[in-house]
Amino acid sequence: MIAPRSVVMLAAVIAAFGLLPGTGPGPRLAPAQASFDCPAPALPVVTPATGSPAAEPTAPAAATPAAFPEEGGDLTVFAAASLTDAFEQIATDLESAHPDLGIEFNFAGSQALVTQLGEGAAADVFASANATQMHAAIDQGSISGEPVTFVQNRLAIVVPSDNPAGLDGPEDLAREDLQLVLAQAEVPVGLYAREAVCNMSEATTADGEGFVAAVAANVVSEEEDVRDVLTRVQLGEADAGIVYVSDAAAAGDDVELIEIPDDVNVVASYPIAPVAGGDTALAQAFIAYVLGEDGQETLQNFGFEPRPS
């Protein structure tokens, strides 16, 4: 079910206002007995040269001016949870400029959104946090146009603001008794996080397989989307989590960000496309705005990186 933007989930309220004085951190989580194998790199959005129906549009198509219908309308966007703050701001700006335009979002893990689309949920636009889930949406017939990469993101480690475990860098993720939260493996940020851990294992001078096994043993919870990972850390229920840089920025002083070096980090590419059966005119106008100068500036203000040129 699509929730209006005015509805704020309880977890978001807790995360925004913090714990009541004197209550201390949230309850610690029990080990999740997680294990994972080093995955293949996330599926990229293929190029037009392959002839695939999932091919990325050329640059001129992406530069089409945003032209919303004069009569406005109601636009529904299914978007990865990590886009929440940036897309909310974009909606505020668009609705201010177009009084007859109404925008509603369904924010969740990209894999959950694909499932909902496959079950017949109505939407006009789908914005995924990786190409794998966009391809899944295409394969099930949920997408009516070609996807285009509209923004990029990177991973970061977040710890509670007081960093109780004293983490200094990625190598500490394998420390004994550390409590780590990741997203589920089928969630884009969960897949990216596992890929980054595998990259870290190859960069370490110690036993690489042992590093991965030690990190996996420290996982105490596997969440449905990146915002759930962030909330666990904000509430002090775990020592660390792996999220996107944009989510760490959204949390502000509630968390401390520990950078993941570029040579082991993963760049996440976000594709966007119209949904089959949706309002084509509104979808194309929204996508054009997101690809345009104003949309890109907003996304970068919220910690995202420019889309590849």
C-alpha atoms as a PDB file:
ATOM      1  CA  MET A   1       0.000   0.000   0.000  1.00  0.00           C
ATOM      2  CA  ILE A   2       1.316   3.451  -0.905  1.00  0.00           C
ATOM      3  CA  ALA A   3       1.663   5.761   2.062  1.00  0.00           C
ATOM      4  CA  PRO A   4       1.195   9.541   1.568  1.00  0.00           C
ATOM      5  CA  ARG A   5       4.265  11.631   2.246  1.00  0.00           C
ATOM      6  CA  SER A   6       2.536  13.179   5.244  1.00  0.00           C
ATOM      7  CA  VAL A   7       2.521   9.818   7.044  1.00  0.00           C
ATOM      8  CA  VAL A   8       5.709   9.415   9.089  1.00  0.00           C
ATOM      9  CA  MET A   9       6.638   5.988  10.334  1.00  0.00           C
ATOM     10  CA  LEU A  10       7.331   5.545  14.038  1.00  0.00           C
ATOM     11  CA  ALA A  11      10.866   4.388  13.365  1.00  0.00           C
ATOM     12  CA  ALA A  12      11.597   7.606  11.503  1.00  0.00           C
ATOM     13  CA  VAL A  13      10.268   9.674  14.399  1.00  0.00           C
ATOM     14  CA  ILE A  14      12.476   7.814  16.844  1.00  0.00           C
ATOM     15  CA  ALA A  15      15.471   8.240  14.570  1.00  0.00           C
ATOM     16  CA  ALA A  16      14.827  11.952  14.099  1.00  0.00           C
ATOM     17  CA  PHE A  17      14.338  12.864  17.745  1.00  0.00           C
ATOM     18  CA  GLY A  18      16.604  10.320  19.412  1.00  0.00           C
ATOM     19  CA  LEU A  19      16.036   8.375  22.614  1.00  0.00           C
ATOM     20  CA  LEU A  20      14.524   9.997  25.691  1.00  0.00           C
ATOM     21  CA  PRO A  21      17.113  11.200  28.220  1.00  0.00           C
ATOM     22  CA  GLY A  22      18.199   8.499  30.605  1.00  0.00           C
ATOM     23  CA  THR A  23      16.850   5.555  28.586  1.00  0.00           C
ATOM     24  CA  GLY A  24      20.253   4.563  27.195  1.00  0.00           C
ATOM     25  CA  PRO A  25      20.835   2.726  23.906  1.00  0.00           C
ATOM     26  CA  GLY A  26      18.343   0.274  22.493  1.00  0.00           C
ATOM     27  CA  PRO A  27      18.508  -3.442  23.278  1.00  0.00           C
ATOM     28  CA  ARG A  28      21.447  -5.277  21.781  1.00  0.00           C
ATOM     29  CA  LEU A  29      20.680  -7.751  19.008  1.00  0.00           C
ATOM     30  CA  ALA A  30      21.398 -11.460  19.136  1.00  0.00           C
ATOM     31  CA  PRO A  31      23.760 -12.972  16.520  1.00  0.00           C
ATOM     32  CA  ALA A  32      21.976 -13.639  13.225  1.00  0.00           C
ATOM     33  CA  GLN A  33      24.250 -16.547  12.249  1.00  0.00           C
ATOM     34  CA  ALA A  34      24.684 -14.889   8.863  1.00  0.00           C
ATOM     35  CA  SER A  35      27.025 -16.167   6.215  1.00  0.00           C
ATOM     36  CA  PHE A  36      27.628 -15.073   2.676  1.00  0.00           C
ATOM     37  CA  ASP A  37      29.801 -15.899  -0.289  1.00  0.00           C
ATOM     38  CA  CYS A  38      31.582 -13.219  -2.207  1.00  0.00           C
ATOM     39  CA  PRO A  39      29.102 -12.279  -4.948  1.00  0.00           C
ATOM     40  CA  ALA A  40      29.774 -11.387  -8.535  1.00  0.00           C
ATOM     41  CA  PRO A  41      29.723  -7.613  -9.160  1.00  0.00           C
ATOM     42  CA  ALA A  42      26.244  -6.113  -9.369  1.00  0.00           C
ATOM     43  CA  LEU A  43      24.700  -6.266 -12.831  1.00  0.00           C
ATOM     44  CA  PRO A  44      25.330  -3.037 -14.757  1.00  0.00           C
ATOM     45  CA  VAL A  45      22.790  -1.278 -16.904  1.00  0.00           C
ATOM     46  CA  VAL A  46      23.722  -2.457 -20.393  1.00  0.00           C
ATOM     47  CA  THR A  47      24.543  -0.089 -23.197  1.00  0.00           C
ATOM     48  CA  PRO A  48      22.455   0.540 -26.323  1.00  0.00           C
ATOM     49  CA  ALA A  49      25.072  -1.302 -28.398  1.00  0.00           C
ATOM     50  CA  THR A  50      23.913  -4.634 -27.002  1.00  0.00           C
ATOM     51  CA  GLY A  51      20.474  -4.228 -28.501  1.00  0.00           C
ATOM     52  CA  SER A  52      18.844  -5.247 -25.218  1.00  0.00           C
ATOM     53  CA  PRO A  53      15.424  -3.795 -24.326  1.00  0.00           C
ATOM     54  CA  ALA A  54      17.052  -2.781 -21.019  1.00  0.00           C
ATOM     55  CA  ALA A  55      19.541  -0.546 -22.797  1.00  0.00           C
ATOM     56  CA  GLU A  56      20.338   2.811 -21.272  1.00  0.00           C
ATOM     57  CA  PRO A  57      19.124   5.837 -23.281  1.00  0.00           C
ATOM     58  CA  THR A  58      21.643   8.079 -24.971  1.00  0.00           C
ATOM     59  CA  ALA A  59      22.644  11.439 -23.493  1.00  0.00           C
ATOM     60  CA  PRO A  60      20.401  13.530 -25.795  1.00  0.00           C
ATOM     61  CA  ALA A  61      17.313  11.609 -24.608  1.00  0.00           C
ATOM     62  CA  ALA A  62      18.273  12.297 -21.000  1.00  0.00           C
ATOM     63  CA  ALA A  63      18.511  16.031 -21.716  1.00  0.00           C
ATOM     64  CA  THR A  64      14.844  16.382 -22.745  1.00  0.00           C
ATOM     65  CA  PRO A  65      13.302  19.354 -20.877  1.00  0.00           C
ATOM     66  CA  ALA A  66      10.810  18.544 -18.117  1.00  0.00           C
ATOM     67  CA  ALA A  67       7.329  19.478 -19.368  1.00  0.00           C
ATOM     68  CA  PHE A  68       4.548  18.628 -16.943  1.00  0.00           C
ATOM     69  CA  PRO A  69       1.011  18.744 -18.347  1.00  0.00           C
ATOM     70  CA  GLU A  70      -0.711  22.066 -17.711  1.00  0.00           C
ATOM     71  CA  GLU A  71      -3.589  20.294 -16.000  1.00  0.00           C
ATOM     72  CA  GLY A  72      -1.166  18.641 -13.568  1.00  0.00           C
ATOM     73  CA  GLY A  73      -2.215  15.235 -12.269  1.00  0.00           C
ATOM     74  CA  ASP A  74      -1.332  12.637  -9.675  1.00  0.00           C
ATOM     75  CA  LEU A  75       2.068  10.990 -10.001  1.00  0.00           C
ATOM     76  CA  THR A  76       3.097   7.854  -8.116  1.00  0.00           C
ATOM     77  CA  VAL A  77       6.783   7.017  -7.787  1.00  0.00           C
ATOM     78  CA  PHE A  78       8.163   3.730  -6.467  1.00  0.00           C
ATOM     79  CA  ALA A  79      11.677   4.535  -5.251  1.00  0.00           C
ATOM     80  CA  ALA A  80      14.522   2.907  -3.330  1.00  0.00           C
ATOM     81  CA  ALA A  81      14.489   3.799   0.373  1.00  0.00           C
ATOM     82  CA  SER A  82      17.821   5.625   0.105  1.00  0.00           C
ATOM     83  CA  LEU A  83      16.159   8.221  -2.149  1.00  0.00           C
ATOM     84  CA  THR A  84      13.619   9.256   0.492  1.00  0.00           C
ATOM     85  CA  ASP A  85      14.993  12.640   1.559  1.00  0.00           C
ATOM     86  CA  ALA A  86      16.145  13.804  -1.871  1.00  0.00           C
ATOM     87  CA  PHE A  87      12.940  12.764  -3.641  1.00  0.00           C
ATOM     88  CA  GLU A  88      10.788  14.343  -0.913  1.00  0.00           C
ATOM     89  CA  GLN A  89      12.597  17.636  -1.558  1.00  0.00           C
ATOM     90  CA  ILE A  90      12.187  17.239  -5.312  1.00  0.00           C
ATOM     91  CA  ALA A  91       8.450  16.666  -4.818  1.00  0.00           C
ATOM     92  CA  THR A  92       8.193  19.796  -2.661  1.00  0.00           C
ATOM     93  CA  ASP A  93       9.915  21.841  -5.352  1.00  0.00           C
ATOM     94  CA  LEU A  94       7.814  20.415  -8.189  1.00  0.00           C
ATOM     95  CA  GLU A  95       4.501  20.784  -6.376  1.00  0.00           C
ATOM     96  CA  SER A  96       5.385  24.378  -5.552  1.00  0.00           C
ATOM     97  CA  ALA A  97       6.093  25.090  -9.229  1.00  0.00           C
ATOM     98  CA  HIS A  98       3.050  23.112 -10.436  1.00  0.00           C
ATOM     99  CA  PRO A  99       0.127  23.633  -8.013  1.00  0.00           C
ATOM    100  CA  ASP A 100      -2.088  21.064  -9.763  1.00  0.00           C
ATOM    101  CA  LEU A 101       0.568  18.348  -9.524  1.00  0.00           C
ATOM    102  CA  GLY A 102       0.440  15.821  -6.692  1.00  0.00           C
ATOM    103  CA  ILE A 103       3.271  13.370  -6.038  1.00  0.00           C
ATOM    104  CA  GLU A 104       3.103  10.301  -3.810  1.00  0.00           C
ATOM    105  CA  PHE A 105       5.971   7.936  -3.074  1.00  0.00           C
ATOM    106  CA  ASN A 106       6.345   4.338  -2.085  1.00  0.00           C
ATOM    107  CA  PHE A 107       9.816   4.031  -0.544  1.00  0.00           C
ATOM    108  CA  ALA A 108      11.162   0.547   0.192  1.00  0.00           C
ATOM    109  CA  GLY A 109      13.932  -1.840  -0.725  1.00  0.00           C
ATOM    110  CA  SER A 110      14.140  -2.095  -4.513  1.00  0.00           C
ATOM    111  CA  GLN A 111      13.483  -5.837  -4.413  1.00  0.00           C
ATOM    112  CA  ALA A 112      10.262  -5.266  -2.443  1.00  0.00           C
ATOM    113  CA  LEU A 113       9.118  -2.651  -4.950  1.00  0.00           C
ATOM    114  CA  VAL A 114       9.695  -5.060  -7.847  1.00  0.00           C
ATOM    115  CA  THR A 115       7.574  -7.650  -6.062  1.00  0.00           C
ATOM    116  CA  GLN A 116       4.772  -5.120  -5.562  1.00  0.00           C
ATOM    117  CA  LEU A 117       4.886  -4.075  -9.218  1.00  0.00           C
ATOM    118  CA  GLY A 118       4.742  -7.719 -10.263  1.00  0.00           C
ATOM    119  CA  GLU A 119       1.649  -8.176  -8.097  1.00  0.00           C
ATOM    120  CA  GLY A 120      -0.111  -5.345  -9.933  1.00  0.00           C
ATOM    121  CA  ALA A 121       0.600  -2.306  -7.753  1.00  0.00           C
ATOM    122  CA  ALA A 122      -0.077   0.907  -9.680  1.00  0.00           C
ATOM    123  CA  ALA A 123       2.801   3.324 -10.264  1.00  0.00           C
ATOM    124  CA  ASP A 124       4.117   5.702 -12.889  1.00  0.00           C
ATOM    125  CA  VAL A 125       7.886   5.658 -12.204  1.00  0.00           C
ATOM    126  CA  PHE A 126      10.300   3.113 -10.749  1.00  0.00           C
ATOM    127  CA  ALA A 127      13.673   4.285  -9.382  1.00  0.00           C
ATOM    128  CA  SER A 128      15.895   1.394  -8.301  1.00  0.00           C
ATOM    129  CA  ALA A 129      19.124   1.368  -6.290  1.00  0.00           C
ATOM    130  CA  ASN A 130      20.686  -1.100  -8.702  1.00  0.00           C
ATOM    131  CA  ALA A 131      20.304  -2.431 -12.216  1.00  0.00           C
ATOM    132  CA  THR A 132      19.671  -5.986 -11.029  1.00  0.00           C
ATOM    133  CA  GLN A 133      16.243  -5.056  -9.668  1.00  0.00           C
ATOM    134  CA  MET A 134      15.496  -2.856 -12.679  1.00  0.00           C
ATOM    135  CA  HIS A 135      16.217  -5.832 -14.936  1.00  0.00           C
ATOM    136  CA  ALA A 136      13.918  -7.953 -12.757  1.00  0.00           C
ATOM    137  CA  ALA A 137      11.156  -5.385 -13.243  1.00  0.00           C
ATOM    138  CA  ILE A 138      11.761  -5.394 -16.994  1.00  0.00           C
ATOM    139  CA  ASP A 139      11.720  -9.196 -17.166  1.00  0.00           C
ATOM    140  CA  GLN A 140       8.320  -9.345 -15.447  1.00  0.00           C
ATOM    141  CA  GLY A 141       6.863  -6.754 -17.819  1.00  0.00           C
ATOM    142  CA  SER A 142       6.550  -3.903 -15.321  1.00  0.00           C
ATOM    143  CA  ILE A 143       8.604  -1.337 -17.266  1.00  0.00           C
ATOM    144  CA  SER A 144       7.370   0.434 -20.393  1.00  0.00           C
ATOM    145  CA  GLY A 145      10.474   2.403 -21.377  1.00  0.00           C
ATOM    146  CA  GLU A 146      14.227   2.172 -21.282  1.00  0.00           C
ATOM    147  CA  PRO A 147      15.958   2.812 -17.935  1.00  0.00           C
ATOM    148  CA  VAL A 148      18.596   5.481 -17.541  1.00  0.00           C
ATOM    149  CA  THR A 149      21.146   5.839 -14.762  1.00  0.00           C
ATOM    150  CA  PHE A 150      20.272   9.096 -12.998  1.00  0.00           C
ATOM    151  CA  VAL A 151      22.592   9.178  -9.963  1.00  0.00           C
ATOM    152  CA  GLN A 152      25.365   7.305  -8.154  1.00  0.00           C
ATOM    153  CA  ASN A 153      26.137   6.575  -4.523  1.00  0.00           C
ATOM    154  CA  ARG A 154      28.894   5.067  -2.385  1.00  0.00           C
ATOM    155  CA  LEU A 155      28.991   2.975   0.739  1.00  0.00           C
ATOM    156  CA  ALA A 156      30.037   4.081   4.205  1.00  0.00           C
ATOM    157  CA  ILE A 157      30.245   2.482   7.625  1.00  0.00           C
ATOM    158  CA  VAL A 158      28.099   4.165  10.262  1.00  0.00           C
ATOM    159  CA  VAL A 159      28.449   3.787  14.017  1.00  0.00           C
ATOM    160  CA  PRO A 160      26.485   5.379  16.876  1.00  0.00           C
ATOM    161  CA  SER A 161      27.524   8.950  17.588  1.00  0.00           C
ATOM    162  CA  ASP A 162      29.617   7.900  20.602  1.00  0.00           C
ATOM    163  CA  ASN A 163      31.197   4.982  18.670  1.00  0.00           C
ATOM    164  CA  PRO A 164      31.065   2.609  21.685  1.00  0.00           C
ATOM    165  CA  ALA A 165      33.042  -0.120  19.914  1.00  0.00           C
ATOM    166  CA  GLY A 166      35.819   2.308  18.934  1.00  0.00           C
ATOM    167  CA  LEU A 167      35.873   1.460  15.222  1.00  0.00           C
ATOM    168  CA  ASP A 168      38.603   3.187  13.229  1.00  0.00           C
ATOM    169  CA  GLY A 169      38.234   1.651   9.772  1.00  0.00           C
ATOM    170  CA  PRO A 170      36.884  -1.215   7.643  1.00  0.00           C
ATOM    171  CA  GLU A 171      39.444  -3.658   9.048  1.00  0.00           C
ATOM    172  CA  ASP A 172      37.641  -3.447  12.399  1.00  0.00           C
ATOM    173  CA  LEU A 173      34.520  -5.057  10.916  1.00  0.00           C
ATOM    174  CA  ALA A 174      36.186  -8.440  11.527  1.00  0.00           C
ATOM    175  CA  ARG A 175      36.901  -7.748  15.201  1.00  0.00           C
ATOM    176  CA  GLU A 176      35.631 -10.349  17.630  1.00  0.00           C
ATOM    177  CA  ASP A 177      32.342  -9.516  19.389  1.00  0.00           C
ATOM    178  CA  LEU A 178      31.493  -6.608  17.067  1.00  0.00           C
ATOM    179  CA  GLN A 179      27.769  -6.298  16.324  1.00  0.00           C
ATOM    180  CA  LEU A 180      27.185  -5.442  12.659  1.00  0.00           C
ATOM    181  CA  VAL A 181      23.926  -4.753  10.799  1.00  0.00           C
ATOM    182  CA  LEU A 182      23.574  -5.234   7.052  1.00  0.00           C
ATOM    183  CA  ALA A 183      20.658  -5.191   4.647  1.00  0.00           C
ATOM    184  CA  GLN A 184      19.507  -8.535   3.291  1.00  0.00           C
ATOM    185  CA  ALA A 185      21.549  -9.955   0.436  1.00  0.00           C
ATOM    186  CA  GLU A 186      18.804  -9.374  -2.156  1.00  0.00           C
ATOM    187  CA  VAL A 187      18.535  -5.688  -1.190  1.00  0.00           C
ATOM    188  CA  PRO A 188      20.837  -3.553  -3.377  1.00  0.00           C
ATOM    189  CA  VAL A 189      22.760  -2.024  -0.453  1.00  0.00           C
ATOM    190  CA  GLY A 190      23.081  -5.500   1.075  1.00  0.00           C
ATOM    191  CA  LEU A 191      24.565  -6.855  -2.126  1.00  0.00           C
ATOM    192  CA  TYR A 192      26.885  -3.861  -2.434  1.00  0.00           C
ATOM    193  CA  ALA A 193      27.974  -4.225   1.212  1.00  0.00           C
ATOM    194  CA  ARG A 194      28.903  -7.872   0.707  1.00  0.00           C
ATOM    195  CA  GLU A 195      30.804  -6.969  -2.449  1.00  0.00           C
ATOM    196  CA  ALA A 196      32.732  -4.302  -0.509  1.00  0.00           C
ATOM    197  CA  VAL A 197      33.576  -6.765   2.284  1.00  0.00           C
ATOM    198  CA  CYS A 198      34.911  -9.169  -0.341  1.00  0.00           C
ATOM    199  CA  ASN A 199      36.974  -6.339  -1.819  1.00  0.00           C
ATOM    200  CA  MET A 200      38.330  -5.609   1.659  1.00  0.00           C
ATOM    201  CA  SER A 201      39.330  -9.249   2.061  1.00  0.00           C
ATOM    202  CA  GLU A 202      41.357  -9.121  -1.139  1.00  0.00           C
ATOM    203  CA  ALA A 203      43.091  -5.941  -0.001  1.00  0.00           C
ATOM    204  CA  THR A 204      44.045  -7.226   3.441  1.00  0.00           C
ATOM    205  CA  THR A 205      47.407  -8.862   4.121  1.00  0.00           C
ATOM    206  CA  ALA A 206      45.680 -11.350   6.411  1.00  0.00           C
ATOM    207  CA  ASP A 207      43.678 -14.418   5.407  1.00  0.00           C
ATOM    208  CA  GLY A 208      41.008 -13.086   3.029  1.00  0.00           C
ATOM    209  CA  GLU A 209      38.526 -15.906   3.542  1.00  0.00           C
ATOM    210  CA  GLY A 210      39.009 -15.623   7.269  1.00  0.00           C
ATOM    211  CA  PHE A 211      38.210 -11.909   7.091  1.00  0.00           C
ATOM    212  CA  VAL A 212      34.926 -12.527   5.254  1.00  0.00           C
ATOM    213  CA  ALA A 213      33.966 -15.297   7.678  1.00  0.00           C
ATOM    214  CA  ALA A 214      34.729 -13.084  10.675  1.00  0.00           C
ATOM    215  CA  VAL A 215      32.640 -10.215   9.296  1.00  0.00           C
ATOM    216  CA  ALA A 216      29.755 -12.592   8.508  1.00  0.00           C
ATOM    217  CA  ALA A 217      29.896 -13.975  12.051  1.00  0.00           C
ATOM    218  CA  ASN A 218      29.484 -10.444  13.407  1.00  0.00           C
ATOM    219  CA  VAL A 219      26.205  -9.810  11.565  1.00  0.00           C
ATOM    220  CA  VAL A 220      23.395  -9.604  14.133  1.00  0.00           C
ATOM    221  CA  SER A 221      20.572  -8.474  11.838  1.00  0.00           C
ATOM    222  CA  GLU A 222      19.768  -8.415   8.130  1.00  0.00           C
ATOM    223  CA  GLU A 223      17.270  -5.659   7.322  1.00  0.00           C
ATOM    224  CA  GLU A 224      14.734  -5.092   4.540  1.00  0.00           C
ATOM    225  CA  ASP A 225      16.151  -1.754   3.388  1.00  0.00           C
ATOM    226  CA  VAL A 226      18.948   0.699   4.056  1.00  0.00           C
ATOM    227  CA  ARG A 227      16.892   2.950   6.317  1.00  0.00           C
ATOM    228  CA  ASP A 228      16.221   0.025   8.651  1.00  0.00           C
ATOM    229  CA  VAL A 229      19.985  -0.547   8.883  1.00  0.00           C
ATOM    230  CA  LEU A 230      20.509   3.127   9.688  1.00  0.00           C
ATOM    231  CA  THR A 231      17.792   3.124  12.352  1.00  0.00           C
ATOM    232  CA  ARG A 232      19.322   0.115  14.127  1.00  0.00           C
ATOM    233  CA  VAL A 233      22.612   1.994  14.442  1.00  0.00           C
ATOM    234  CA  GLN A 234      20.966   5.268  15.449  1.00  0.00           C
ATOM    235  CA  LEU A 235      19.168   3.477  18.280  1.00  0.00           C
ATOM    236  CA  GLY A 236      22.391   1.906  19.530  1.00  0.00           C
ATOM    237  CA  GLU A 237      21.190  -1.634  18.843  1.00  0.00           C
ATOM    238  CA  ALA A 238      24.409  -2.466  16.987  1.00  0.00           C
ATOM    239  CA  ASP A 239      27.995  -1.239  16.850  1.00  0.00           C
ATOM    240  CA  ALA A 240      28.048  -0.569  13.118  1.00  0.00           C
ATOM    241  CA  GLY A 241      26.169  -0.812   9.844  1.00  0.00           C
ATOM    242  CA  ILE A 242      26.967  -0.399   6.158  1.00  0.00           C
ATOM    243  CA  VAL A 243      24.769   2.136   4.364  1.00  0.00           C
ATOM    244  CA  TYR A 244      25.052   4.632   1.536  1.00  0.00           C
ATOM    245  CA  VAL A 245      26.923   7.902   2.057  1.00  0.00           C
ATOM    246  CA  SER A 246      23.642   9.742   1.382  1.00  0.00           C
ATOM    247  CA  ASP A 247      21.935   7.936   4.286  1.00  0.00           C
ATOM    248  CA  ALA A 248      24.799   8.730   6.629  1.00  0.00           C
ATOM    249  CA  ALA A 249      24.456  12.388   5.634  1.00  0.00           C
ATOM    250  CA  ALA A 250      20.693  12.281   6.305  1.00  0.00           C
ATOM    251  CA  ALA A 251      21.303  10.969   9.845  1.00  0.00           C
ATOM    252  CA  GLY A 252      23.449  13.977  10.740  1.00  0.00           C
ATOM    253  CA  ASP A 253      24.902  13.934  14.250  1.00  0.00           C
ATOM    254  CA  ASP A 254      23.006  10.754  15.177  1.00  0.00           C
ATOM    255  CA  VAL A 255      25.813   8.664  13.674  1.00  0.00           C
ATOM    256  CA  GLU A 256      29.505   8.891  12.936  1.00  0.00           C
ATOM    257  CA  LEU A 257      30.623   8.106   9.396  1.00  0.00           C
ATOM    258  CA  ILE A 258      33.680   5.930   8.786  1.00  0.00           C
ATOM    259  CA  GLU A 259      34.831   6.094   5.188  1.00  0.00           C
ATOM    260  CA  ILE A 260      35.428   3.024   3.065  1.00  0.00           C
ATOM    261  CA  PRO A 261      38.506   3.593   0.857  1.00  0.00           C
ATOM    262  CA  ASP A 262      37.806   4.010  -2.845  1.00  0.00           C
ATOM    263  CA  ASP A 263      39.887   0.983  -3.815  1.00  0.00           C
ATOM    264  CA  VAL A 264      37.528  -1.359  -1.935  1.00  0.00           C
ATOM    265  CA  ASN A 265      34.315   0.671  -2.067  1.00  0.00           C
ATOM    266  CA  VAL A 266      31.449   0.055  -4.483  1.00  0.00           C
ATOM    267  CA  VAL A 267      29.807   2.710  -6.631  1.00  0.00           C
ATOM    268  CA  ALA A 268      26.060   2.130  -6.769  1.00  0.00           C
ATOM    269  CA  SER A 269      24.294   3.169  -9.974  1.00  0.00           C
ATOM    270  CA  TYR A 270      20.586   4.022  -9.775  1.00  0.00           C
ATOM    271  CA  PRO A 271      18.397   3.501 -12.872  1.00  0.00           C
ATOM    272  CA  ILE A 272      14.959   5.069 -13.366  1.00  0.00           C
ATOM    273  CA  ALA A 273      12.213   4.221 -15.870  1.00  0.00           C
ATOM    274  CA  PRO A 274       8.472   4.626 -16.590  1.00  0.00           C
ATOM    275  CA  VAL A 275       6.174   1.879 -15.320  1.00  0.00           C
ATOM    276  CA  ALA A 276       3.918  -0.029 -17.710  1.00  0.00           C
ATOM    277  CA  GLY A 277       0.316   1.138 -17.452  1.00  0.00           C
ATOM    278  CA  GLY A 278       1.263   4.395 -15.750  1.00  0.00           C
ATOM    279  CA  ASP A 279       0.819   7.996 -16.842  1.00  0.00           C
ATOM    280  CA  THR A 280       3.496   8.297 -19.518  1.00  0.00           C
ATOM    281  CA  ALA A 281       3.482  12.097 -19.711  1.00  0.00           C
ATOM    282  CA  LEU A 282       3.895  12.573 -15.971  1.00  0.00           C
ATOM    283  CA  ALA A 283       6.511   9.834 -15.758  1.00  0.00           C
ATOM    284  CA  GLN A 284       8.612  11.284 -18.557  1.00  0.00           C
ATOM    285  CA  ALA A 285       8.386  14.793 -17.068  1.00  0.00           C
ATOM    286  CA  PHE A 286       9.482  13.573 -13.633  1.00  0.00           C
ATOM    287  CA  ILE A 287      12.380  11.567 -15.062  1.00  0.00           C
ATOM    288  CA  ALA A 288      13.485  14.523 -17.178  1.00  0.00           C
ATOM    289  CA  TYR A 289      13.449  16.758 -14.105  1.00  0.00           C
ATOM    290  CA  VAL A 290      15.523  14.297 -12.098  1.00  0.00           C
ATOM    291  CA  LEU A 291      18.042  14.140 -14.935  1.00  0.00           C
ATOM    292  CA  GLY A 292      18.094  17.904 -15.329  1.00  0.00           C
ATOM    293  CA  GLU A 293      20.181  20.541 -13.595  1.00  0.00           C
ATOM    294  CA  ASP A 294      17.767  21.260 -10.737  1.00  0.00           C
ATOM    295  CA  GLY A 295      17.100  17.613  -9.969  1.00  0.00           C
ATOM    296  CA  GLN A 296      20.769  16.715 -10.069  1.00  0.00           C
ATOM    297  CA  GLU A 297      21.636  19.618  -7.768  1.00  0.00           C
ATOM    298  CA  THR A 298      19.080  18.435  -5.214  1.00  0.00           C
ATOM    299  CA  LEU A 299      20.377  14.879  -5.320  1.00  0.00           C
ATOM    300  CA  GLN A 300      23.949  16.052  -4.802  1.00  0.00           C
ATOM    301  CA  ASN A 301      22.840  18.245  -1.900  1.00  0.00           C
ATOM    302  CA  PHE A 302      21.643  15.049  -0.220  1.00  0.00           C
ATOM    303  CA  GLY A 303      24.952  13.240  -0.623  1.00  0.00           C
ATOM    304  CA  PHE A 304      24.549  11.523  -3.992  1.00  0.00           C
ATOM    305  CA  GLU A 305      27.117  11.683  -6.767  1.00  0.00           C
ATOM    306  CA  PRO A 306      26.427  12.908 -10.319  1.00  0.00           C
ATOM    307  CA  ARG A 307      25.282  10.351 -12.831  1.00  0.00           C
ATOM    308  CA  PRO A 308      27.950   9.209 -15.309  1.00  0.00           C
ATOM    309  CA  SER A 309      28.281  11.579 -18.237  1.00  0.00           C
END
